[in-house]
Amino acid sequence: MVRSGLSSSSAFNFVLTMGVVNLFGDMTYEGGGAINGQFMATLGASAAVVSITAGLGEFLGYAIRSVSGYIADRTGRY
């Protein structure tokens, strides 16, 4: 019987560590995104400019995601 060099506990530790890394990455990304409006306001942007910029950015992000997802699905290149 051939045994792998990795045990199930080391695999679990790796998955758990990557989960914690992902948690901190998400907290940083979402926290940074939450202060965009306040930062733009300190630069002198009006509420209309902040809202239009934020809304347009969100829309473009989702639009590009759906188009690239469709292309990846059609071509099979994930």
PDB file of N, CA and C in Angstrom:
ATOM      1  N   MET A   1       0.847  -1.176   0.000  1.00  0.00           N
ATOM      2  CA  MET A   1       0.000   0.000   0.000  1.00  0.00           C
ATOM      3  C   MET A   1       0.891   1.238   0.000  1.00  0.00           C
ATOM      4  N   VAL A   2       0.628   2.144  -0.905  1.00  0.00           N
ATOM      5  CA  VAL A   2       1.414   3.364  -1.014  1.00  0.00           C
ATOM      6  C   VAL A   2       0.743   4.457  -0.199  1.00  0.00           C
ATOM      7  N   ARG A   3       1.507   5.092   0.691  1.00  0.00           N
ATOM      8  CA  ARG A   3       0.950   6.168   1.505  1.00  0.00           C
ATOM      9  C   ARG A   3       1.423   7.500   0.963  1.00  0.00           C
ATOM     10  N   SER A   4       0.541   8.423   0.948  1.00  0.00           N
ATOM     11  CA  SER A   4       0.885   9.777   0.527  1.00  0.00           C
ATOM     12  C   SER A   4       1.671  10.459   1.643  1.00  0.00           C
ATOM     13  N   GLY A   5       2.502  11.412   1.283  1.00  0.00           N
ATOM     14  CA  GLY A   5       3.285  12.144   2.272  1.00  0.00           C
ATOM     15  C   GLY A   5       2.433  13.092   3.096  1.00  0.00           C
ATOM     16  N   LEU A   6       1.232  13.394   2.627  1.00  0.00           N
ATOM     17  CA  LEU A   6       0.345  14.309   3.341  1.00  0.00           C
ATOM     18  C   LEU A   6      -0.719  13.531   4.088  1.00  0.00           C
ATOM     19  N   SER A   7      -0.920  13.887   5.326  1.00  0.00           N
ATOM     20  CA  SER A   7      -2.001  13.256   6.080  1.00  0.00           C
ATOM     21  C   SER A   7      -3.256  14.102   5.953  1.00  0.00           C
ATOM     22  N   SER A   8      -4.365  13.559   6.412  1.00  0.00           N
ATOM     23  CA  SER A   8      -5.613  14.307   6.317  1.00  0.00           C
ATOM     24  C   SER A   8      -5.585  15.535   7.219  1.00  0.00           C
ATOM     25  N   SER A   9      -4.846  15.456   8.335  1.00  0.00           N
ATOM     26  CA  SER A   9      -4.790  16.624   9.217  1.00  0.00           C
ATOM     27  C   SER A   9      -3.974  17.758   8.590  1.00  0.00           C
ATOM     28  N   SER A  10      -2.932  17.430   7.821  1.00  0.00           N
ATOM     29  CA  SER A  10      -2.178  18.502   7.169  1.00  0.00           C
ATOM     30  C   SER A  10      -2.994  19.128   6.044  1.00  0.00           C
ATOM     31  N   ALA A  11      -3.809  18.331   5.359  1.00  0.00           N
ATOM     32  CA  ALA A  11      -4.690  18.882   4.331  1.00  0.00           C
ATOM     33  C   ALA A  11      -5.729  19.798   4.971  1.00  0.00           C
ATOM     34  N   PHE A  12      -6.279  19.365   6.103  1.00  0.00           N
ATOM     35  CA  PHE A  12      -7.246  20.196   6.809  1.00  0.00           C
ATOM     36  C   PHE A  12      -6.604  21.500   7.270  1.00  0.00           C
ATOM     37  N   ASN A  13      -5.398  21.426   7.790  1.00  0.00           N
ATOM     38  CA  ASN A  13      -4.692  22.633   8.225  1.00  0.00           C
ATOM     39  C   ASN A  13      -4.449  23.591   7.063  1.00  0.00           C
ATOM     40  N   PHE A  14      -4.126  23.051   5.893  1.00  0.00           N
ATOM     41  CA  PHE A  14      -3.924  23.898   4.717  1.00  0.00           C
ATOM     42  C   PHE A  14      -5.220  24.592   4.322  1.00  0.00           C
ATOM     43  N   VAL A  15      -6.315  23.839   4.262  1.00  0.00           N
ATOM     44  CA  VAL A  15      -7.611  24.422   3.885  1.00  0.00           C
ATOM     45  C   VAL A  15      -8.032  25.471   4.905  1.00  0.00           C
ATOM     46  N   LEU A  16      -7.837  25.174   6.179  1.00  0.00           N
ATOM     47  CA  LEU A  16      -8.188  26.127   7.226  1.00  0.00           C
ATOM     48  C   LEU A  16      -7.341  27.394   7.124  1.00  0.00           C
ATOM     49  N   THR A  17      -6.054  27.251   6.871  1.00  0.00           N
ATOM     50  CA  THR A  17      -5.166  28.407   6.723  1.00  0.00           C
ATOM     51  C   THR A  17      -5.567  29.258   5.516  1.00  0.00           C
ATOM     52  N   MET A  18      -5.883  28.621   4.398  1.00  0.00           N
ATOM     53  CA  MET A  18      -6.305  29.376   3.219  1.00  0.00           C
ATOM     54  C   MET A  18      -7.636  30.077   3.468  1.00  0.00           C
ATOM     55  N   GLY A  19      -8.508  29.477   4.267  1.00  0.00           N
ATOM     56  CA  GLY A  19      -9.764  30.121   4.626  1.00  0.00           C
ATOM     57  C   GLY A  19      -9.536  31.382   5.449  1.00  0.00           C
ATOM     58  N   VAL A  20      -8.589  31.317   6.388  1.00  0.00           N
ATOM     59  CA  VAL A  20      -8.271  32.497   7.205  1.00  0.00           C
ATOM     60  C   VAL A  20      -7.635  33.581   6.344  1.00  0.00           C
ATOM     61  N   VAL A  21      -6.748  33.189   5.433  1.00  0.00           N
ATOM     62  CA  VAL A  21      -6.134  34.162   4.522  1.00  0.00           C
ATOM     63  C   VAL A  21      -7.212  34.827   3.673  1.00  0.00           C
ATOM     64  N   ASN A  22      -8.161  34.036   3.167  1.00  0.00           N
ATOM     65  CA  ASN A  22      -9.257  34.569   2.369  1.00  0.00           C
ATOM     66  C   ASN A  22     -10.126  35.514   3.185  1.00  0.00           C
ATOM     67  N   LEU A  23     -10.358  35.187   4.457  1.00  0.00           N
ATOM     68  CA  LEU A  23     -11.140  36.050   5.334  1.00  0.00           C
ATOM     69  C   LEU A  23     -10.489  37.423   5.453  1.00  0.00           C
ATOM     70  N   PHE A  24      -9.183  37.451   5.727  1.00  0.00           N
ATOM     71  CA  PHE A  24      -8.498  38.737   5.863  1.00  0.00           C
ATOM     72  C   PHE A  24      -8.446  39.498   4.537  1.00  0.00           C
ATOM     73  N   GLY A  25      -8.289  38.768   3.434  1.00  0.00           N
ATOM     74  CA  GLY A  25      -8.314  39.423   2.128  1.00  0.00           C
ATOM     75  C   GLY A  25      -9.663  40.054   1.833  1.00  0.00           C
ATOM     76  N   ASP A  26     -10.740  39.330   2.128  1.00  0.00           N
ATOM     77  CA  ASP A  26     -12.088  39.865   1.917  1.00  0.00           C
ATOM     78  C   ASP A  26     -12.361  41.070   2.809  1.00  0.00           C
ATOM     79  N   MET A  27     -11.918  40.999   4.071  1.00  0.00           N
ATOM     80  CA  MET A  27     -12.134  42.132   4.982  1.00  0.00           C
ATOM     81  C   MET A  27     -11.401  43.370   4.470  1.00  0.00           C
ATOM     82  N   THR A  28     -10.194  43.186   3.964  1.00  0.00           N
ATOM     83  CA  THR A  28      -9.426  44.312   3.437  1.00  0.00           C
ATOM     84  C   THR A  28     -10.099  44.888   2.193  1.00  0.00           C
ATOM     85  N   TYR A  29     -10.509  44.015   1.276  1.00  0.00           N
ATOM     86  CA  TYR A  29     -11.120  44.461   0.029  1.00  0.00           C
ATOM     87  C   TYR A  29     -12.448  45.180   0.291  1.00  0.00           C
ATOM     88  N   GLU A  30     -13.300  44.565   1.086  1.00  0.00           N
ATOM     89  CA  GLU A  30     -14.610  45.166   1.355  1.00  0.00           C
ATOM     90  C   GLU A  30     -14.479  46.433   2.186  1.00  0.00           C
ATOM     91  N   GLY A  31     -13.558  46.438   3.136  1.00  0.00           N
ATOM     92  CA  GLY A  31     -13.331  47.649   3.934  1.00  0.00           C
ATOM     93  C   GLY A  31     -12.807  48.781   3.088  1.00  0.00           C
ATOM     94  N   GLY A  32     -11.917  48.469   2.159  1.00  0.00           N
ATOM     95  CA  GLY A  32     -11.398  49.500   1.260  1.00  0.00           C
ATOM     96  C   GLY A  32     -12.470  50.045   0.340  1.00  0.00           C
ATOM     97  N   GLY A  33     -13.343  49.150  -0.135  1.00  0.00           N
ATOM     98  CA  GLY A  33     -14.427  49.593  -1.004  1.00  0.00           C
ATOM     99  C   GLY A  33     -15.447  50.453  -0.277  1.00  0.00           C
ATOM    100  N   ALA A  34     -15.589  50.230   1.012  1.00  0.00           N
ATOM    101  CA  ALA A  34     -16.583  50.967   1.787  1.00  0.00           C
ATOM    102  C   ALA A  34     -16.183  52.418   2.026  1.00  0.00           C
ATOM    103  N   ILE A  35     -14.909  52.727   1.915  1.00  0.00           N
ATOM    104  CA  ILE A  35     -14.474  54.103   2.192  1.00  0.00           C
ATOM    105  C   ILE A  35     -14.232  54.917   0.929  1.00  0.00           C
ATOM    106  N   ASN A  36     -14.535  54.354  -0.235  1.00  0.00           N
ATOM    107  CA  ASN A  36     -14.317  55.093  -1.486  1.00  0.00           C
ATOM    108  C   ASN A  36     -15.097  56.404  -1.531  1.00  0.00           C
ATOM    109  N   GLY A  37     -16.350  56.350  -1.135  1.00  0.00           N
ATOM    110  CA  GLY A  37     -17.186  57.553  -1.161  1.00  0.00           C
ATOM    111  C   GLY A  37     -16.665  58.638  -0.242  1.00  0.00           C
ATOM    112  N   GLN A  38     -16.282  58.270   0.963  1.00  0.00           N
ATOM    113  CA  GLN A  38     -15.754  59.245   1.911  1.00  0.00           C
ATOM    114  C   GLN A  38     -14.431  59.829   1.415  1.00  0.00           C
ATOM    115  N   PHE A  39     -13.612  58.985   0.805  1.00  0.00           N
ATOM    116  CA  PHE A  39     -12.345  59.479   0.274  1.00  0.00           C
ATOM    117  C   PHE A  39     -12.572  60.473  -0.851  1.00  0.00           C
ATOM    118  N   MET A  40     -13.502  60.157  -1.752  1.00  0.00           N
ATOM    119  CA  MET A  40     -13.798  61.078  -2.843  1.00  0.00           C
ATOM    120  C   MET A  40     -14.370  62.386  -2.310  1.00  0.00           C
ATOM    121  N   ALA A  41     -15.147  62.305  -1.237  1.00  0.00           N
ATOM    122  CA  ALA A  41     -15.714  63.515  -0.634  1.00  0.00           C
ATOM    123  C   ALA A  41     -14.603  64.400  -0.067  1.00  0.00           C
ATOM    124  N   THR A  42     -13.561  63.791   0.514  1.00  0.00           N
ATOM    125  CA  THR A  42     -12.442  64.602   1.025  1.00  0.00           C
ATOM    126  C   THR A  42     -11.672  65.263  -0.104  1.00  0.00           C
ATOM    127  N   LEU A  43     -11.773  64.709  -1.308  1.00  0.00           N
ATOM    128  CA  LEU A  43     -11.134  65.326  -2.466  1.00  0.00           C
ATOM    129  C   LEU A  43     -11.984  66.431  -3.074  1.00  0.00           C
ATOM    130  N   GLY A  44     -13.202  66.600  -2.546  1.00  0.00           N
ATOM    131  CA  GLY A  44     -14.063  67.675  -3.004  1.00  0.00           C
ATOM    132  C   GLY A  44     -15.160  67.249  -3.956  1.00  0.00           C
ATOM    133  N   ALA A  45     -15.366  65.954  -4.126  1.00  0.00           N
ATOM    134  CA  ALA A  45     -16.413  65.480  -5.031  1.00  0.00           C
ATOM    135  C   ALA A  45     -17.777  65.664  -4.379  1.00  0.00           C
ATOM    136  N   SER A  46     -18.748  66.028  -5.187  1.00  0.00           N
ATOM    137  CA  SER A  46     -20.102  66.185  -4.666  1.00  0.00           C
ATOM    138  C   SER A  46     -20.753  64.808  -4.491  1.00  0.00           C
ATOM    139  N   ALA A  47     -21.887  64.791  -3.821  1.00  0.00           N
ATOM    140  CA  ALA A  47     -22.607  63.534  -3.601  1.00  0.00           C
ATOM    141  C   ALA A  47     -23.032  62.910  -4.924  1.00  0.00           C
ATOM    142  N   ALA A  48     -23.400  63.739  -5.884  1.00  0.00           N
ATOM    143  CA  ALA A  48     -23.818  63.217  -7.188  1.00  0.00           C
ATOM    144  C   ALA A  48     -22.656  62.538  -7.905  1.00  0.00           C
ATOM    145  N   VAL A  49     -21.492  63.160  -7.852  1.00  0.00           N
ATOM    146  CA  VAL A  49     -20.321  62.580  -8.512  1.00  0.00           C
ATOM    147  C   VAL A  49     -19.935  61.262  -7.841  1.00  0.00           C
ATOM    148  N   VAL A  50     -19.976  61.240  -6.512  1.00  0.00           N
ATOM    149  CA  VAL A  50     -19.639  60.009  -5.783  1.00  0.00           C
ATOM    150  C   VAL A  50     -20.614  58.899  -6.133  1.00  0.00           C
ATOM    151  N   SER A  51     -21.906  59.194  -6.134  1.00  0.00           N
ATOM    152  CA  SER A  51     -22.894  58.154  -6.403  1.00  0.00           C
ATOM    153  C   SER A  51     -22.845  57.669  -7.842  1.00  0.00           C
ATOM    154  N   ILE A  52     -22.654  58.580  -8.789  1.00  0.00           N
ATOM    155  CA  ILE A  52     -22.571  58.178 -10.198  1.00  0.00           C
ATOM    156  C   ILE A  52     -21.328  57.333 -10.436  1.00  0.00           C
ATOM    157  N   THR A  53     -20.208  57.753  -9.865  1.00  0.00           N
ATOM    158  CA  THR A  53     -18.964  57.004 -10.037  1.00  0.00           C
ATOM    159  C   THR A  53     -19.074  55.621  -9.414  1.00  0.00           C
ATOM    160  N   ALA A  54     -19.606  55.531  -8.208  1.00  0.00           N
ATOM    161  CA  ALA A  54     -19.746  54.242  -7.535  1.00  0.00           C
ATOM    162  C   ALA A  54     -20.720  53.342  -8.288  1.00  0.00           C
ATOM    163  N   GLY A  55     -21.839  53.889  -8.702  1.00  0.00           N
ATOM    164  CA  GLY A  55     -22.829  53.102  -9.434  1.00  0.00           C
ATOM    165  C   GLY A  55     -22.316  52.625 -10.776  1.00  0.00           C
ATOM    166  N   LEU A  56     -21.619  53.484 -11.483  1.00  0.00           N
ATOM    167  CA  LEU A  56     -21.057  53.106 -12.778  1.00  0.00           C
ATOM    168  C   LEU A  56     -19.981  52.036 -12.614  1.00  0.00           C
ATOM    169  N   GLY A  57     -19.170  52.167 -11.573  1.00  0.00           N
ATOM    170  CA  GLY A  57     -18.144  51.161 -11.310  1.00  0.00           C
ATOM    171  C   GLY A  57     -18.744  49.808 -11.004  1.00  0.00           C
ATOM    172  N   GLU A  58     -19.786  49.773 -10.180  1.00  0.00           N
ATOM    173  CA  GLU A  58     -20.468  48.511  -9.866  1.00  0.00           C
ATOM    174  C   GLU A  58     -21.095  47.906 -11.121  1.00  0.00           C
ATOM    175  N   PHE A  59     -21.751  48.761 -11.909  1.00  0.00           N
ATOM    176  CA  PHE A  59     -22.388  48.272 -13.132  1.00  0.00           C
ATOM    177  C   PHE A  59     -21.363  47.680 -14.086  1.00  0.00           C
ATOM    178  N   LEU A  60     -20.257  48.371 -14.302  1.00  0.00           N
ATOM    179  CA  LEU A  60     -19.235  47.863 -15.217  1.00  0.00           C
ATOM    180  C   LEU A  60     -18.619  46.563 -14.697  1.00  0.00           C
ATOM    181  N   GLY A  61     -18.421  46.479 -13.392  1.00  0.00           N
ATOM    182  CA  GLY A  61     -17.882  45.244 -12.823  1.00  0.00           C
ATOM    183  C   GLY A  61     -18.781  44.057 -13.085  1.00  0.00           C
ATOM    184  N   TYR A  62     -20.082  44.230 -12.863  1.00  0.00           N
ATOM    185  CA  TYR A  62     -21.022  43.135 -13.099  1.00  0.00           C
ATOM    186  C   TYR A  62     -21.192  42.857 -14.588  1.00  0.00           C
ATOM    187  N   ALA A  63     -21.174  43.889 -15.418  1.00  0.00           N
ATOM    188  CA  ALA A  63     -21.324  43.684 -16.862  1.00  0.00           C
ATOM    189  C   ALA A  63     -20.138  42.903 -17.425  1.00  0.00           C
ATOM    190  N   ILE A  64     -18.934  43.291 -17.020  1.00  0.00           N
ATOM    191  CA  ILE A  64     -17.742  42.576 -17.500  1.00  0.00           C
ATOM    192  C   ILE A  64     -17.745  41.141 -16.982  1.00  0.00           C
ATOM    193  N   ARG A  65     -18.177  40.951 -15.735  1.00  0.00           N
ATOM    194  CA  ARG A  65     -18.230  39.603 -15.168  1.00  0.00           C
ATOM    195  C   ARG A  65     -19.201  38.726 -15.943  1.00  0.00           C
ATOM    196  N   SER A  66     -20.374  39.260 -16.313  1.00  0.00           N
ATOM    197  CA  SER A  66     -21.317  38.425 -17.048  1.00  0.00           C
ATOM    198  C   SER A  66     -20.855  38.133 -18.457  1.00  0.00           C
ATOM    199  N   VAL A  67     -20.240  39.097 -19.117  1.00  0.00           N
ATOM    200  CA  VAL A  67     -19.744  38.867 -20.475  1.00  0.00           C
ATOM    201  C   VAL A  67     -18.590  37.864 -20.455  1.00  0.00           C
ATOM    202  N   SER A  68     -17.659  38.037 -19.536  1.00  0.00           N
ATOM    203  CA  SER A  68     -16.527  37.104 -19.489  1.00  0.00           C
ATOM    204  C   SER A  68     -16.984  35.714 -19.062  1.00  0.00           C
ATOM    205  N   GLY A  69     -18.002  35.617 -18.195  1.00  0.00           N
ATOM    206  CA  GLY A  69     -18.548  34.316 -17.820  1.00  0.00           C
ATOM    207  C   GLY A  69     -19.192  33.615 -18.999  1.00  0.00           C
ATOM    208  N   TYR A  70     -19.917  34.368 -19.808  1.00  0.00           N
ATOM    209  CA  TYR A  70     -20.537  33.799 -21.001  1.00  0.00           C
ATOM    210  C   TYR A  70     -19.473  33.295 -21.976  1.00  0.00           C
ATOM    211  N   ILE A  71     -18.440  34.104 -22.176  1.00  0.00           N
ATOM    212  CA  ILE A  71     -17.358  33.704 -23.090  1.00  0.00           C
ATOM    213  C   ILE A  71     -16.637  32.467 -22.555  1.00  0.00           C
ATOM    214  N   ALA A  72     -16.357  32.433 -21.264  1.00  0.00           N
ATOM    215  CA  ALA A  72     -15.683  31.273 -20.677  1.00  0.00           C
ATOM    216  C   ALA A  72     -16.553  30.027 -20.798  1.00  0.00           C
ATOM    217  N   ASP A  73     -17.859  30.189 -20.637  1.00  0.00           N
ATOM    218  CA  ASP A  73     -18.757  29.046 -20.754  1.00  0.00           C
ATOM    219  C   ASP A  73     -18.788  28.513 -22.174  1.00  0.00           C
ATOM    220  N   ARG A  74     -18.823  29.412 -23.137  1.00  0.00           N
ATOM    221  CA  ARG A  74     -18.871  29.006 -24.546  1.00  0.00           C
ATOM    222  C   ARG A  74     -17.576  28.364 -25.023  1.00  0.00           C
ATOM    223  N   THR A  75     -16.430  28.913 -24.597  1.00  0.00           N
ATOM    224  CA  THR A  75     -15.143  28.406 -25.071  1.00  0.00           C
ATOM    225  C   THR A  75     -14.619  27.261 -24.226  1.00  0.00           C
ATOM    226  N   GLY A  76     -15.122  27.115 -22.986  1.00  0.00           N
ATOM    227  CA  GLY A  76     -14.630  26.078 -22.098  1.00  0.00           C
ATOM    228  C   GLY A  76     -13.278  26.395 -21.490  1.00  0.00           C
ATOM    229  N   ARG A  77     -12.839  27.633 -21.620  1.00  0.00           N
ATOM    230  CA  ARG A  77     -11.550  28.063 -21.054  1.00  0.00           C
ATOM    231  C   ARG A  77     -11.820  28.829 -19.775  1.00  0.00           C
ATOM    232  N   TYR A  78     -11.813  28.121 -18.678  1.00  0.00           N
ATOM    233  CA  TYR A  78     -12.105  28.728 -17.393  1.00  0.00           C
ATOM    234  C   TYR A  78     -10.838  29.251 -16.797  1.00  0.00           C
TER     235      TYR A  78
END
